[in-house]
Structures are given as C-alpha cells and as structure tokens.
C-alpha cells in the first residue's frame, strides 16, 4: 500500500503565503501523476493543480499566477506553493497520487491523503 501525508496547512491572512507538502511512503513501486485538490464547506472537491511524472503542470484558472505545484521524485514528495492567498482559497487541501505499489498484482491505483486545512482570514 501507499500512504500520502499532507502538511503545511494553517491560518494565514489574505495576501499571505503557505507551502503545502505531501509525502508518499509505503510499498511504492512507481508514482505517475500527482495533484492537489481542495474542498470547501458545502462544495464539491475540485482540482487545484496537477503534475505529471515528467513535470508537466496544469493549474485551475482560479489559482493561476498564484499557486505553483512541484514535486521531488527522489523524495516521493509533492509541494504546493500558495501565494497571494484569498479568503476563497479556504478549504481542506488533499493530495492525490496515481501510484503502483510493490504488492502483486501490480496496478495503478488512485491514493488520497487525509487532507490539511487552509484558512485564509484577516
């Protein structure tokens, strides 16, 4: 199995910055695409940003120019640098990874972290 653990959330004032991290661990054979999703109270979970194994990224229109997704494949870690935060960015942020464990039969599985709360309030 593969475990994803997010960290770095917290309370920040509008205009501030936070950096989220997501560490993957366990019986990892390979990790393909990774991404950050968020879910605000009363809303559906939405994609914030995604990144392929090769480093190609895509961002939601609402965060373009403010958020940057990156990954360190050697450390199996995903990051999200969030700048110019707005109150509407308040949500629980989830890490997602398409990964293959060493357990047979090997297959690609979508894994999720438990989430980290980001609150933007002044």
C-alpha atoms as a PDB file:
ATOM      1  CA  UNK A   1       0.000   0.000   0.000  1.00  0.00           C
ATOM      2  CA  UNK A   2       0.919   3.645  -0.454  1.00  0.00           C
ATOM      3  CA  UNK A   3       0.268   6.330   2.143  1.00  0.00           C
ATOM      4  CA  UNK A   4       0.066  10.069   1.483  1.00  0.00           C
ATOM      5  CA  UNK A   5       0.521  12.550   4.333  1.00  0.00           C
ATOM      6  CA  UNK A   6      -0.068  16.262   3.844  1.00  0.00           C
ATOM      7  CA  UNK A   7       1.432  19.020   5.975  1.00  0.00           C
ATOM      8  CA  UNK A   8       1.835  22.772   5.940  1.00  0.00           C
ATOM      9  CA  UNK A   9      -1.724  23.967   6.291  1.00  0.00           C
ATOM     10  CA  UNK A  10      -2.804  26.614   8.744  1.00  0.00           C
ATOM     11  CA  UNK A  11      -4.302  30.045   9.260  1.00  0.00           C
ATOM     12  CA  UNK A  12      -2.998  32.909   7.166  1.00  0.00           C
ATOM     13  CA  UNK A  13      -4.098  36.451   6.438  1.00  0.00           C
ATOM     14  CA  UNK A  14      -5.260  37.488   2.961  1.00  0.00           C
ATOM     15  CA  UNK A  15      -2.259  38.153   0.747  1.00  0.00           C
ATOM     16  CA  UNK A  16      -0.128  35.720   2.703  1.00  0.00           C
ATOM     17  CA  UNK A  17       1.639  32.530   1.644  1.00  0.00           C
ATOM     18  CA  UNK A  18       1.721  28.889   2.625  1.00  0.00           C
ATOM     19  CA  UNK A  19       3.613  25.880   1.334  1.00  0.00           C
ATOM     20  CA  UNK A  20       1.922  22.508   1.433  1.00  0.00           C
ATOM     21  CA  UNK A  21       3.838  19.244   1.294  1.00  0.00           C
ATOM     22  CA  UNK A  22       2.676  15.709   0.616  1.00  0.00           C
ATOM     23  CA  UNK A  23       4.979  12.824   1.436  1.00  0.00           C
ATOM     24  CA  UNK A  24       4.320   9.447  -0.125  1.00  0.00           C
ATOM     25  CA  UNK A  25       5.506   6.361   1.705  1.00  0.00           C
ATOM     26  CA  UNK A  26       4.940   2.626   1.903  1.00  0.00           C
ATOM     27  CA  UNK A  27       5.453  -0.068  -0.662  1.00  0.00           C
ATOM     28  CA  UNK A  28       5.979   2.253  -3.610  1.00  0.00           C
ATOM     29  CA  UNK A  29       6.917   0.771  -6.962  1.00  0.00           C
ATOM     30  CA  UNK A  30       6.150   3.833  -9.075  1.00  0.00           C
ATOM     31  CA  UNK A  31       4.237   7.122  -8.929  1.00  0.00           C
ATOM     32  CA  UNK A  32       2.690   8.617 -12.033  1.00  0.00           C
ATOM     33  CA  UNK A  33       0.639  11.814 -11.923  1.00  0.00           C
ATOM     34  CA  UNK A  34       0.124  13.705  -8.671  1.00  0.00           C
ATOM     35  CA  UNK A  35      -2.156  16.556  -7.774  1.00  0.00           C
ATOM     36  CA  UNK A  36      -3.683  18.834  -5.198  1.00  0.00           C
ATOM     37  CA  UNK A  37      -7.437  19.053  -4.729  1.00  0.00           C
ATOM     38  CA  UNK A  38      -9.475  21.141  -2.330  1.00  0.00           C
ATOM     39  CA  UNK A  39     -12.915  21.034  -0.837  1.00  0.00           C
ATOM     40  CA  UNK A  40     -14.616  23.997   0.779  1.00  0.00           C
ATOM     41  CA  UNK A  41     -17.629  23.585   3.094  1.00  0.00           C
ATOM     42  CA  UNK A  42     -20.739  22.817   1.086  1.00  0.00           C
ATOM     43  CA  UNK A  43     -18.826  22.492  -2.189  1.00  0.00           C
ATOM     44  CA  UNK A  44     -17.536  19.635  -4.285  1.00  0.00           C
ATOM     45  CA  UNK A  45     -13.901  18.647  -4.289  1.00  0.00           C
ATOM     46  CA  UNK A  46     -12.069  20.404  -7.119  1.00  0.00           C
ATOM     47  CA  UNK A  47      -8.694  20.081  -8.804  1.00  0.00           C
ATOM     48  CA  UNK A  48      -6.278  22.854  -7.837  1.00  0.00           C
ATOM     49  CA  UNK A  49      -3.173  21.752  -9.709  1.00  0.00           C
ATOM     50  CA  UNK A  50      -1.700  18.619 -11.223  1.00  0.00           C
ATOM     51  CA  UNK A  51       1.746  17.482 -12.296  1.00  0.00           C
ATOM     52  CA  UNK A  52       2.943  14.551 -14.358  1.00  0.00           C
ATOM     53  CA  UNK A  53       5.934  12.387 -13.509  1.00  0.00           C
ATOM     54  CA  UNK A  54       7.899  14.350 -16.081  1.00  0.00           C
ATOM     55  CA  UNK A  55       6.972  17.683 -14.529  1.00  0.00           C
ATOM     56  CA  UNK A  56       4.248  18.981 -16.833  1.00  0.00           C
ATOM     57  CA  UNK A  57       1.810  21.031 -14.783  1.00  0.00           C
ATOM     58  CA  UNK A  58      -1.722  22.338 -15.055  1.00  0.00           C
ATOM     59  CA  UNK A  59      -3.477  24.756 -12.734  1.00  0.00           C
ATOM     60  CA  UNK A  60      -7.092  25.673 -12.171  1.00  0.00           C
ATOM     61  CA  UNK A  61      -7.924  29.115 -13.572  1.00  0.00           C
ATOM     62  CA  UNK A  62      -8.721  30.362 -10.071  1.00  0.00           C
ATOM     63  CA  UNK A  63      -5.140  29.837  -8.880  1.00  0.00           C
ATOM     64  CA  UNK A  64      -3.097  30.621 -11.999  1.00  0.00           C
ATOM     65  CA  UNK A  65      -0.319  33.064 -11.269  1.00  0.00           C
ATOM     66  CA  UNK A  66      -0.635  32.482  -7.517  1.00  0.00           C
ATOM     67  CA  UNK A  67      -0.053  28.765  -6.869  1.00  0.00           C
ATOM     68  CA  UNK A  68       2.854  26.625  -8.051  1.00  0.00           C
ATOM     69  CA  UNK A  69       2.889  22.848  -7.948  1.00  0.00           C
ATOM     70  CA  UNK A  70       6.155  20.910  -7.937  1.00  0.00           C
ATOM     71  CA  UNK A  71       7.474  17.501  -7.000  1.00  0.00           C
ATOM     72  CA  UNK A  72      10.690  15.814  -5.924  1.00  0.00           C
ATOM     73  CA  UNK A  73      10.618  12.343  -7.427  1.00  0.00           C
ATOM     74  CA  UNK A  74      13.667  11.217  -5.453  1.00  0.00           C
ATOM     75  CA  UNK A  75      11.840  12.012  -2.209  1.00  0.00           C
ATOM     76  CA  UNK A  76       8.377  10.982  -3.404  1.00  0.00           C
ATOM     77  CA  UNK A  77       7.145  14.377  -2.250  1.00  0.00           C
ATOM     78  CA  UNK A  78       4.667  16.800  -3.762  1.00  0.00           C
ATOM     79  CA  UNK A  79       4.531  20.523  -2.993  1.00  0.00           C
ATOM     80  CA  UNK A  80       2.122  23.398  -3.464  1.00  0.00           C
ATOM     81  CA  UNK A  81       3.431  26.930  -3.028  1.00  0.00           C
ATOM     82  CA  UNK A  82       0.474  29.215  -2.446  1.00  0.00           C
ATOM     83  CA  UNK A  83       0.967  32.977  -2.695  1.00  0.00           C
ATOM     84  CA  UNK A  84      -1.425  35.921  -2.614  1.00  0.00           C
ATOM     85  CA  UNK A  85      -3.935  33.831  -0.736  1.00  0.00           C
ATOM     86  CA  UNK A  86      -7.580  34.901  -0.746  1.00  0.00           C
ATOM     87  CA  UNK A  87     -10.439  34.053   1.622  1.00  0.00           C
ATOM     88  CA  UNK A  88     -11.989  31.957  -1.164  1.00  0.00           C
ATOM     89  CA  UNK A  89      -8.931  29.672  -1.038  1.00  0.00           C
ATOM     90  CA  UNK A  90     -10.119  28.461   2.362  1.00  0.00           C
ATOM     91  CA  UNK A  91     -10.656  24.714   2.142  1.00  0.00           C
ATOM     92  CA  UNK A  92      -9.296  21.323   3.087  1.00  0.00           C
ATOM     93  CA  UNK A  93      -6.490  20.526   0.651  1.00  0.00           C
ATOM     94  CA  UNK A  94      -5.970  16.910  -0.392  1.00  0.00           C
ATOM     95  CA  UNK A  95      -3.010  15.240  -2.042  1.00  0.00           C
ATOM     96  CA  UNK A  96      -3.677  12.691  -4.766  1.00  0.00           C
ATOM     97  CA  UNK A  97      -1.311  10.287  -6.482  1.00  0.00           C
ATOM     98  CA  UNK A  98      -1.683   7.635  -9.142  1.00  0.00           C
ATOM     99  CA  UNK A  99       0.704   5.042  -7.816  1.00  0.00           C
ATOM    100  CA  UNK A 100       1.675   1.419  -8.142  1.00  0.00           C
ATOM    101  CA  UNK A 101       2.721  -0.500  -5.065  1.00  0.00           C
ATOM    102  CA  UNK A 102       5.125  -3.400  -4.966  1.00  0.00           C
ATOM    103  CA  UNK A 103       2.269  -5.701  -3.990  1.00  0.00           C
ATOM    104  CA  UNK A 104       1.284  -8.154  -6.719  1.00  0.00           C
ATOM    105  CA  UNK A 105      -0.620  -7.902  -8.946  1.00  0.00           C
ATOM    106  CA  UNK A 106       0.814  -4.511  -9.782  1.00  0.00           C
ATOM    107  CA  UNK A 107      -1.758  -1.998 -10.937  1.00  0.00           C
ATOM    108  CA  UNK A 108      -2.266   1.730 -10.917  1.00  0.00           C
ATOM    109  CA  UNK A 109      -4.375   2.939  -8.014  1.00  0.00           C
ATOM    110  CA  UNK A 110      -5.577   6.412  -7.014  1.00  0.00           C
ATOM    111  CA  UNK A 111      -4.415   7.225  -3.488  1.00  0.00           C
ATOM    112  CA  UNK A 112      -5.570  10.130  -1.310  1.00  0.00           C
ATOM    113  CA  UNK A 113      -4.226  11.814   1.776  1.00  0.00           C
ATOM    114  CA  UNK A 114      -6.401  12.783   4.719  1.00  0.00           C
ATOM    115  CA  UNK A 115      -6.197  16.478   3.957  1.00  0.00           C
ATOM    116  CA  UNK A 116      -4.820  19.612   5.584  1.00  0.00           C
ATOM    117  CA  UNK A 117      -6.889  22.660   6.467  1.00  0.00           C
ATOM    118  CA  UNK A 118      -6.038  26.014   4.925  1.00  0.00           C
ATOM    119  CA  UNK A 119      -7.886  29.025   6.327  1.00  0.00           C
ATOM    120  CA  UNK A 120      -7.433  32.491   4.875  1.00  0.00           C
ATOM    121  CA  UNK A 121      -8.893  35.106   7.161  1.00  0.00           C
ATOM    122  CA  UNK A 122      -7.964  38.513   8.418  1.00  0.00           C
END
